[in-house]
Amino acid sequence: MTKTILIATDYSLESLNILKKVLKEKDASEDQNQYNILLVSGYDPGDSIRDLLFNTKSTIFNKIRPQEFCDAYGIIKNKYPHLVNKIVCDIFTGSFQRTFNNYVKAENIEEAYYSPSIESKGKGKFDIAPYIRKCKGVKIQEIKVEITERLPERGKLAEIFVEA
C-alpha cells in the first residue's frame, strides 16, 4: 500500500534529519508500506505582478534549494528503496489554515512531520509547522532534531552521513 507523508523542511541539509529519522523508525518497525514523501516549505511569492507571472516552481527552487539537498535526499532514498516510492519537493504558498487543509486533502497526506528546530527563514520562505499543528485528520508528529553548531561537515553533503 502506498501512503503519502509530508515533511516540513527549509531545504537545508539539517532538515533531512527528519526524513532520516522517519525512515529509520519505519524500517525498524518493518513497515510494509511504500511512501510518497513530500518535502514542503512555505514560500511567499510576493505581490509583484512580475514575480507572480514569470516565476515558476523551478525558478523558485533554484533560489531556495541547494543542489546538495537534492543529492542528499537521493542518497537517503537509495538507502531505503523498499520504503520510498518517490520523493517530491514542493512549496506551500497559501496564508490561511483552510488553504493548507485543502492542500493536505488534495495530496492525500496521511502523516505529517516537523521539527521546531528547523525554521524556514529568508529568501521568501516561511515556517509551515503552525499549519501542520492545526491540521485535522492527519497523523502529526514532532521530531526532535539536534543541530550541532560545531560540525566540520556543516553545509556539505557529508553532513547527511552524520548520525543524529
N, C-alpha and C. Protein backbone atom coordinates (compact mmCIF):
# COMPACT_ATOMS: atom_id res chain seq x y z
N MET A 1 0.84 -1.18 0.00
CA MET A 1 0.00 0.00 0.00
C MET A 1 0.88 1.24 0.00
N THR A 2 0.48 2.24 -0.75
CA THR A 2 1.24 3.49 -0.83
C THR A 2 0.55 4.57 0.00
N LYS A 3 1.34 5.20 0.86
CA LYS A 3 0.85 6.30 1.70
C LYS A 3 1.67 7.55 1.38
N THR A 4 1.11 8.70 1.72
CA THR A 4 1.80 9.96 1.47
C THR A 4 2.15 10.64 2.79
N ILE A 5 3.40 11.07 2.88
CA ILE A 5 3.93 11.73 4.07
C ILE A 5 4.35 13.14 3.69
N LEU A 6 4.05 14.11 4.55
CA LEU A 6 4.54 15.47 4.40
C LEU A 6 5.63 15.70 5.44
N ILE A 7 6.75 16.24 5.01
CA ILE A 7 7.81 16.60 5.93
C ILE A 7 8.13 18.08 5.72
N ALA A 8 7.99 18.86 6.80
CA ALA A 8 8.29 20.29 6.73
C ALA A 8 9.80 20.47 6.65
N THR A 9 10.23 21.29 5.73
CA THR A 9 11.65 21.49 5.51
C THR A 9 11.94 22.95 5.21
N ASP A 10 13.20 23.31 5.34
CA ASP A 10 13.64 24.63 4.89
C ASP A 10 14.69 24.47 3.79
N TYR A 11 14.80 23.26 3.26
CA TYR A 11 15.74 22.90 2.21
C TYR A 11 17.19 23.06 2.64
N SER A 12 17.43 22.82 3.92
CA SER A 12 18.81 22.74 4.42
C SER A 12 19.11 21.26 4.66
N LEU A 13 20.38 20.94 4.70
CA LEU A 13 20.76 19.54 4.94
C LEU A 13 20.33 19.08 6.33
N GLU A 14 20.30 20.01 7.30
CA GLU A 14 19.87 19.65 8.65
C GLU A 14 18.42 19.15 8.65
N SER A 15 17.59 19.72 7.81
CA SER A 15 16.18 19.33 7.80
C SER A 15 15.97 17.92 7.28
N LEU A 16 16.95 17.37 6.57
CA LEU A 16 16.83 15.99 6.10
C LEU A 16 16.97 14.98 7.24
N ASN A 17 17.41 15.45 8.41
CA ASN A 17 17.45 14.56 9.57
C ASN A 17 16.05 14.10 9.95
N ILE A 18 15.04 14.90 9.68
CA ILE A 18 13.65 14.49 9.93
C ILE A 18 13.33 13.29 9.05
N LEU A 19 13.66 13.40 7.77
CA LEU A 19 13.41 12.30 6.83
C LEU A 19 14.17 11.05 7.24
N LYS A 20 15.43 11.21 7.64
CA LYS A 20 16.23 10.06 8.06
C LYS A 20 15.61 9.37 9.27
N LYS A 21 15.17 10.15 10.28
CA LYS A 21 14.58 9.57 11.48
C LYS A 21 13.27 8.85 11.17
N VAL A 22 12.44 9.45 10.33
CA VAL A 22 11.15 8.84 9.99
C VAL A 22 11.38 7.50 9.28
N LEU A 23 12.27 7.49 8.29
CA LEU A 23 12.52 6.27 7.54
C LEU A 23 13.21 5.21 8.41
N LYS A 24 14.07 5.65 9.31
CA LYS A 24 14.75 4.72 10.21
C LYS A 24 13.74 4.03 11.14
N GLU A 25 12.77 4.81 11.66
CA GLU A 25 11.72 4.25 12.52
C GLU A 25 10.85 3.26 11.74
N LYS A 26 10.48 3.62 10.53
CA LYS A 26 9.62 2.75 9.72
C LYS A 26 10.37 1.48 9.33
N ASP A 27 11.67 1.59 9.07
CA ASP A 27 12.48 0.42 8.75
C ASP A 27 12.62 -0.49 9.96
N ALA A 28 12.80 0.10 11.14
CA ALA A 28 12.94 -0.69 12.37
C ALA A 28 11.65 -1.42 12.72
N SER A 29 10.51 -0.81 12.39
CA SER A 29 9.23 -1.45 12.68
C SER A 29 8.79 -2.40 11.56
N GLU A 30 9.68 -2.59 10.58
CA GLU A 30 9.42 -3.48 9.44
C GLU A 30 8.10 -3.14 8.75
N ASP A 31 7.91 -1.85 8.51
CA ASP A 31 6.72 -1.35 7.82
C ASP A 31 6.70 -1.89 6.39
N GLN A 32 5.57 -2.41 5.95
CA GLN A 32 5.44 -2.99 4.61
C GLN A 32 4.92 -1.99 3.58
N ASN A 33 4.59 -0.77 4.00
CA ASN A 33 4.06 0.24 3.09
C ASN A 33 5.18 0.91 2.31
N GLN A 34 4.79 1.47 1.16
CA GLN A 34 5.69 2.35 0.42
C GLN A 34 5.17 3.76 0.61
N TYR A 35 6.07 4.73 0.55
CA TYR A 35 5.69 6.10 0.87
C TYR A 35 6.06 7.06 -0.26
N ASN A 36 5.10 7.92 -0.57
CA ASN A 36 5.36 9.10 -1.39
C ASN A 36 5.66 10.21 -0.39
N ILE A 37 6.83 10.80 -0.47
CA ILE A 37 7.26 11.78 0.52
C ILE A 37 7.28 13.16 -0.12
N LEU A 38 6.55 14.08 0.51
CA LEU A 38 6.53 15.47 0.07
C LEU A 38 7.39 16.29 1.03
N LEU A 39 8.47 16.86 0.54
CA LEU A 39 9.30 17.77 1.31
C LEU A 39 8.79 19.17 1.01
N VAL A 40 8.14 19.79 1.98
CA VAL A 40 7.42 21.04 1.73
C VAL A 40 7.95 22.17 2.59
N SER A 41 8.10 23.32 1.95
CA SER A 41 8.46 24.55 2.64
C SER A 41 7.43 25.60 2.28
N GLY A 42 7.18 26.51 3.21
CA GLY A 42 6.32 27.64 2.89
C GLY A 42 7.11 28.64 2.07
N TYR A 43 6.44 29.25 1.09
CA TYR A 43 7.11 30.26 0.27
C TYR A 43 6.13 31.38 -0.05
N ASP A 44 6.55 32.59 0.22
CA ASP A 44 5.75 33.76 -0.09
C ASP A 44 6.22 34.33 -1.42
N PRO A 45 5.42 34.20 -2.48
CA PRO A 45 5.86 34.67 -3.79
C PRO A 45 5.85 36.18 -3.94
N GLY A 46 5.36 36.89 -2.94
CA GLY A 46 5.29 38.34 -3.02
C GLY A 46 4.04 38.77 -3.76
N ASP A 47 3.90 40.06 -3.94
CA ASP A 47 2.72 40.55 -4.63
C ASP A 47 3.07 41.35 -5.88
N SER A 48 4.31 41.26 -6.31
CA SER A 48 4.72 41.90 -7.55
C SER A 48 4.14 41.13 -8.73
N ILE A 49 3.50 41.82 -9.63
CA ILE A 49 2.89 41.17 -10.78
C ILE A 49 3.93 40.47 -11.63
N ARG A 50 5.12 41.04 -11.71
CA ARG A 50 6.21 40.41 -12.48
C ARG A 50 6.60 39.08 -11.86
N ASP A 51 6.75 39.05 -10.53
CA ASP A 51 7.11 37.80 -9.85
C ASP A 51 6.02 36.75 -10.01
N LEU A 52 4.78 37.17 -9.88
CA LEU A 52 3.66 36.22 -9.99
C LEU A 52 3.53 35.66 -11.40
N LEU A 53 3.83 36.45 -12.41
CA LEU A 53 3.69 35.99 -13.79
C LEU A 53 4.86 35.15 -14.27
N PHE A 54 6.06 35.52 -13.89
CA PHE A 54 7.23 34.91 -14.51
C PHE A 54 8.01 33.93 -13.62
N ASN A 55 7.62 33.76 -12.38
CA ASN A 55 8.28 32.78 -11.53
C ASN A 55 7.55 31.44 -11.64
N THR A 56 8.31 30.40 -11.92
CA THR A 56 7.77 29.04 -11.93
C THR A 56 8.33 28.32 -10.72
N LYS A 57 7.85 27.11 -10.47
CA LYS A 57 8.39 26.35 -9.34
C LYS A 57 9.88 26.10 -9.51
N SER A 58 10.30 25.84 -10.73
CA SER A 58 11.73 25.57 -10.93
C SER A 58 12.58 26.80 -10.65
N THR A 59 12.13 28.00 -11.01
CA THR A 59 12.92 29.20 -10.69
C THR A 59 12.92 29.47 -9.19
N ILE A 60 11.81 29.16 -8.53
CA ILE A 60 11.75 29.32 -7.07
C ILE A 60 12.69 28.33 -6.41
N PHE A 61 12.68 27.06 -6.87
CA PHE A 61 13.57 26.06 -6.29
C PHE A 61 15.03 26.41 -6.54
N ASN A 62 15.35 27.01 -7.67
CA ASN A 62 16.72 27.44 -7.93
C ASN A 62 17.17 28.49 -6.92
N LYS A 63 16.23 29.26 -6.38
CA LYS A 63 16.56 30.29 -5.39
C LYS A 63 16.71 29.70 -3.98
N ILE A 64 15.83 28.76 -3.62
CA ILE A 64 15.75 28.35 -2.21
C ILE A 64 16.32 26.97 -1.90
N ARG A 65 16.59 26.16 -2.91
CA ARG A 65 17.03 24.78 -2.67
C ARG A 65 18.40 24.55 -3.26
N PRO A 66 19.41 24.26 -2.43
CA PRO A 66 20.74 23.99 -2.96
C PRO A 66 20.82 22.60 -3.61
N GLN A 67 21.75 22.44 -4.52
CA GLN A 67 21.92 21.15 -5.21
C GLN A 67 22.31 20.05 -4.23
N GLU A 68 23.06 20.39 -3.17
CA GLU A 68 23.45 19.39 -2.17
C GLU A 68 22.23 18.74 -1.53
N PHE A 69 21.17 19.52 -1.36
CA PHE A 69 19.93 19.00 -0.77
C PHE A 69 19.37 17.90 -1.66
N CYS A 70 19.31 18.13 -2.96
CA CYS A 70 18.79 17.13 -3.90
C CYS A 70 19.65 15.87 -3.90
N ASP A 71 20.96 16.06 -3.89
CA ASP A 71 21.87 14.91 -3.85
C ASP A 71 21.67 14.11 -2.57
N ALA A 72 21.50 14.82 -1.46
CA ALA A 72 21.37 14.17 -0.15
C ALA A 72 20.07 13.37 -0.05
N TYR A 73 18.93 13.92 -0.49
CA TYR A 73 17.71 13.13 -0.38
C TYR A 73 17.73 11.97 -1.38
N GLY A 74 18.49 12.09 -2.45
CA GLY A 74 18.67 10.96 -3.37
C GLY A 74 19.41 9.82 -2.70
N ILE A 75 20.42 10.16 -1.90
CA ILE A 75 21.17 9.14 -1.16
C ILE A 75 20.28 8.46 -0.13
N ILE A 76 19.48 9.26 0.57
CA ILE A 76 18.57 8.69 1.57
C ILE A 76 17.54 7.79 0.90
N LYS A 77 17.03 8.21 -0.24
CA LYS A 77 16.05 7.41 -0.99
C LYS A 77 16.66 6.07 -1.40
N ASN A 78 17.92 6.09 -1.82
CA ASN A 78 18.59 4.85 -2.23
C ASN A 78 18.87 3.93 -1.05
N LYS A 79 18.97 4.49 0.15
CA LYS A 79 19.21 3.67 1.35
C LYS A 79 17.96 2.89 1.75
N TYR A 80 16.77 3.44 1.46
CA TYR A 80 15.51 2.81 1.83
C TYR A 80 14.62 2.59 0.60
N PRO A 81 15.09 1.82 -0.40
CA PRO A 81 14.28 1.67 -1.62
C PRO A 81 12.98 0.90 -1.38
N HIS A 82 12.94 0.08 -0.33
CA HIS A 82 11.73 -0.69 -0.02
C HIS A 82 10.66 0.17 0.64
N LEU A 83 11.03 1.34 1.16
CA LEU A 83 10.08 2.23 1.83
C LEU A 83 9.67 3.42 0.96
N VAL A 84 10.58 3.90 0.12
CA VAL A 84 10.34 5.14 -0.62
C VAL A 84 9.90 4.84 -2.04
N ASN A 85 8.70 5.26 -2.37
CA ASN A 85 8.21 5.17 -3.74
C ASN A 85 8.75 6.35 -4.54
N LYS A 86 8.55 7.56 -4.00
CA LYS A 86 9.11 8.76 -4.62
C LYS A 86 9.22 9.88 -3.60
N ILE A 87 10.14 10.80 -3.86
CA ILE A 87 10.31 11.99 -3.04
C ILE A 87 10.10 13.19 -3.95
N VAL A 88 9.23 14.09 -3.51
CA VAL A 88 8.90 15.27 -4.30
C VAL A 88 9.10 16.51 -3.43
N CYS A 89 9.78 17.51 -3.97
CA CYS A 89 9.91 18.79 -3.29
C CYS A 89 8.76 19.69 -3.74
N ASP A 90 8.19 20.42 -2.80
CA ASP A 90 7.07 21.29 -3.12
C ASP A 90 7.12 22.52 -2.23
N ILE A 91 6.32 23.51 -2.61
CA ILE A 91 6.19 24.72 -1.80
C ILE A 91 4.72 24.95 -1.53
N PHE A 92 4.45 25.49 -0.36
CA PHE A 92 3.10 25.91 0.00
C PHE A 92 3.10 27.42 -0.02
N THR A 93 2.20 28.00 -0.83
CA THR A 93 2.20 29.46 -0.99
C THR A 93 1.00 30.13 -0.35
N GLY A 94 0.15 29.38 0.32
CA GLY A 94 -1.03 29.97 0.93
C GLY A 94 -0.71 30.68 2.23
N SER A 95 -1.73 31.38 2.76
CA SER A 95 -1.52 32.07 4.02
C SER A 95 -2.66 31.82 5.01
N PHE A 96 -3.52 30.86 4.71
CA PHE A 96 -4.64 30.54 5.59
C PHE A 96 -4.64 29.05 5.92
N GLN A 97 -5.14 28.72 7.12
CA GLN A 97 -5.23 27.33 7.54
C GLN A 97 -6.11 26.52 6.59
N ARG A 98 -7.20 27.12 6.15
CA ARG A 98 -8.11 26.41 5.24
C ARG A 98 -7.40 26.04 3.93
N THR A 99 -6.54 26.90 3.45
CA THR A 99 -5.78 26.62 2.23
C THR A 99 -4.83 25.45 2.45
N PHE A 100 -4.18 25.43 3.62
CA PHE A 100 -3.28 24.32 3.94
C PHE A 100 -4.07 23.02 4.07
N ASN A 101 -5.22 23.06 4.72
CA ASN A 101 -6.06 21.86 4.85
C ASN A 101 -6.46 21.33 3.48
N ASN A 102 -6.78 22.21 2.56
CA ASN A 102 -7.13 21.79 1.20
C ASN A 102 -5.93 21.19 0.48
N TYR A 103 -4.74 21.74 0.72
CA TYR A 103 -3.51 21.18 0.14
C TYR A 103 -3.30 19.76 0.65
N VAL A 104 -3.46 19.56 1.95
CA VAL A 104 -3.29 18.24 2.56
C VAL A 104 -4.30 17.25 1.99
N LYS A 105 -5.52 17.69 1.85
CA LYS A 105 -6.58 16.83 1.31
C LYS A 105 -6.32 16.49 -0.16
N ALA A 106 -5.91 17.47 -0.95
CA ALA A 106 -5.65 17.25 -2.37
C ALA A 106 -4.49 16.29 -2.61
N GLU A 107 -3.49 16.34 -1.74
CA GLU A 107 -2.31 15.48 -1.89
C GLU A 107 -2.48 14.13 -1.18
N ASN A 108 -3.62 13.91 -0.52
CA ASN A 108 -3.90 12.66 0.21
C ASN A 108 -2.83 12.37 1.26
N ILE A 109 -2.44 13.39 1.99
CA ILE A 109 -1.40 13.25 3.01
C ILE A 109 -2.00 12.59 4.25
N GLU A 110 -1.35 11.52 4.72
CA GLU A 110 -1.83 10.78 5.88
C GLU A 110 -1.01 11.06 7.13
N GLU A 111 0.26 11.42 6.95
CA GLU A 111 1.14 11.68 8.08
C GLU A 111 1.93 12.96 7.79
N ALA A 112 2.19 13.73 8.84
CA ALA A 112 2.98 14.96 8.69
C ALA A 112 4.00 15.03 9.83
N TYR A 113 5.21 15.42 9.49
CA TYR A 113 6.30 15.50 10.45
C TYR A 113 6.95 16.88 10.35
N TYR A 114 7.35 17.40 11.51
CA TYR A 114 8.03 18.69 11.55
C TYR A 114 8.96 18.70 12.76
N SER A 115 9.87 19.65 12.76
CA SER A 115 10.76 19.85 13.89
C SER A 115 10.76 21.33 14.25
N PRO A 116 10.59 21.66 15.53
CA PRO A 116 10.61 23.07 15.92
C PRO A 116 11.98 23.71 15.74
N SER A 117 13.04 22.91 15.65
CA SER A 117 14.38 23.49 15.48
C SER A 117 14.68 23.86 14.03
N ILE A 118 13.85 23.40 13.09
CA ILE A 118 14.02 23.76 11.69
C ILE A 118 13.05 24.90 11.38
N GLU A 119 13.57 26.09 11.20
CA GLU A 119 12.73 27.25 10.93
C GLU A 119 13.07 27.81 9.56
N SER A 120 12.09 27.86 8.70
CA SER A 120 12.30 28.42 7.37
C SER A 120 12.36 29.93 7.46
N LYS A 121 13.49 30.48 7.15
CA LYS A 121 13.67 31.93 7.19
C LYS A 121 14.48 32.36 5.97
N GLY A 122 14.21 33.56 5.50
CA GLY A 122 14.98 34.14 4.41
C GLY A 122 14.53 33.67 3.04
N LYS A 123 14.85 34.44 2.02
CA LYS A 123 14.55 34.15 0.62
C LYS A 123 13.07 33.88 0.37
N GLY A 124 12.19 34.50 1.14
CA GLY A 124 10.76 34.32 0.94
C GLY A 124 10.17 33.11 1.62
N LYS A 125 10.99 32.33 2.33
CA LYS A 125 10.49 31.12 2.98
C LYS A 125 9.79 31.47 4.29
N PHE A 126 8.78 30.65 4.65
CA PHE A 126 8.17 30.76 5.97
C PHE A 126 7.90 29.37 6.51
N ASP A 127 7.76 29.28 7.82
CA ASP A 127 7.60 28.02 8.52
C ASP A 127 6.16 27.52 8.41
N ILE A 128 5.98 26.25 8.00
CA ILE A 128 4.63 25.69 7.88
C ILE A 128 4.23 24.85 9.10
N ALA A 129 5.12 24.78 10.10
CA ALA A 129 4.81 23.99 11.30
C ALA A 129 3.52 24.44 12.00
N PRO A 130 3.23 25.74 12.12
CA PRO A 130 1.95 26.13 12.74
C PRO A 130 0.73 25.59 11.99
N TYR A 131 0.82 25.54 10.67
CA TYR A 131 -0.27 24.98 9.87
C TYR A 131 -0.41 23.47 10.11
N ILE A 132 0.74 22.80 10.21
CA ILE A 132 0.71 21.34 10.44
C ILE A 132 0.09 21.03 11.79
N ARG A 133 0.48 21.79 12.83
CA ARG A 133 -0.04 21.52 14.18
C ARG A 133 -1.55 21.67 14.25
N LYS A 134 -2.14 22.56 13.44
CA LYS A 134 -3.58 22.80 13.48
C LYS A 134 -4.37 21.94 12.49
N CYS A 135 -3.68 21.13 11.71
CA CYS A 135 -4.34 20.34 10.67
C CYS A 135 -5.09 19.16 11.29
N LYS A 136 -6.31 18.93 10.81
CA LYS A 136 -7.15 17.84 11.33
C LYS A 136 -7.12 16.66 10.35
N GLY A 137 -7.30 15.46 10.89
CA GLY A 137 -7.40 14.27 10.06
C GLY A 137 -6.08 13.73 9.56
N VAL A 138 -4.98 14.21 10.10
CA VAL A 138 -3.65 13.78 9.70
C VAL A 138 -2.88 13.38 10.95
N LYS A 139 -2.14 12.28 10.87
CA LYS A 139 -1.28 11.89 11.99
C LYS A 139 -0.08 12.84 11.99
N ILE A 140 0.04 13.62 13.08
CA ILE A 140 1.08 14.63 13.17
C ILE A 140 2.09 14.22 14.23
N GLN A 141 3.37 14.37 13.90
CA GLN A 141 4.40 14.03 14.86
C GLN A 141 5.52 15.06 14.81
N GLU A 142 5.91 15.50 16.01
CA GLU A 142 7.05 16.41 16.14
C GLU A 142 8.30 15.57 16.30
N ILE A 143 9.31 15.84 15.52
CA ILE A 143 10.57 15.12 15.56
C ILE A 143 11.63 16.03 16.18
N LYS A 144 12.32 15.53 17.17
CA LYS A 144 13.40 16.30 17.79
C LYS A 144 14.67 16.11 16.95
N VAL A 145 15.19 17.22 16.47
CA VAL A 145 16.42 17.19 15.69
C VAL A 145 17.41 18.11 16.37
N GLU A 146 18.54 17.55 16.73
CA GLU A 146 19.59 18.36 17.35
C GLU A 146 20.50 18.89 16.25
N ILE A 147 20.68 20.20 16.24
CA ILE A 147 21.57 20.81 15.25
C ILE A 147 22.87 21.16 15.96
N THR A 148 23.92 20.43 15.60
CA THR A 148 25.22 20.65 16.19
C THR A 148 25.88 21.86 15.53
N GLU A 149 26.22 22.84 16.34
CA GLU A 149 26.81 24.06 15.80
C GLU A 149 28.23 23.84 15.28
N ARG A 150 28.98 23.00 15.97
CA ARG A 150 30.36 22.77 15.57
C ARG A 150 30.46 21.43 14.87
N LEU A 151 30.11 21.43 13.60
CA LEU A 151 30.16 20.23 12.79
C LEU A 151 31.03 20.51 11.57
N PRO A 152 32.12 19.78 11.40
CA PRO A 152 33.01 20.09 10.28
C PRO A 152 32.34 19.90 8.91
N GLU A 153 31.30 19.05 8.86
CA GLU A 153 30.61 18.79 7.59
C GLU A 153 29.48 19.77 7.32
N ARG A 154 29.27 20.77 8.18
CA ARG A 154 28.12 21.67 8.06
C ARG A 154 28.01 22.23 6.65
N GLY A 155 26.83 22.04 6.04
CA GLY A 155 26.56 22.58 4.72
C GLY A 155 27.13 21.75 3.58
N LYS A 156 27.73 20.63 3.89
CA LYS A 156 28.31 19.78 2.86
C LYS A 156 27.54 18.46 2.82
N LEU A 157 27.63 17.77 1.72
CA LEU A 157 26.89 16.53 1.51
C LEU A 157 27.22 15.49 2.58
N ALA A 158 28.44 15.49 3.10
CA ALA A 158 28.83 14.53 4.12
C ALA A 158 28.01 14.67 5.40
N GLU A 159 27.34 15.79 5.57
CA GLU A 159 26.54 16.04 6.77
C GLU A 159 25.42 15.00 6.94
N ILE A 160 24.88 14.47 5.85
CA ILE A 160 23.79 13.51 5.98
C ILE A 160 24.25 12.16 6.51
N PHE A 161 25.55 11.90 6.48
CA PHE A 161 26.07 10.64 6.98
C PHE A 161 26.35 10.68 8.47
N VAL A 162 26.27 11.87 9.07
CA VAL A 162 26.47 12.01 10.50
C VAL A 162 25.22 11.50 11.20
N GLU A 163 25.38 10.56 12.10
CA GLU A 163 24.23 10.00 12.83
C GLU A 163 23.78 10.97 13.90
N ALA A 164 22.48 11.23 13.91
CA ALA A 164 21.92 12.15 14.90
C ALA A 164 21.49 11.41 16.14
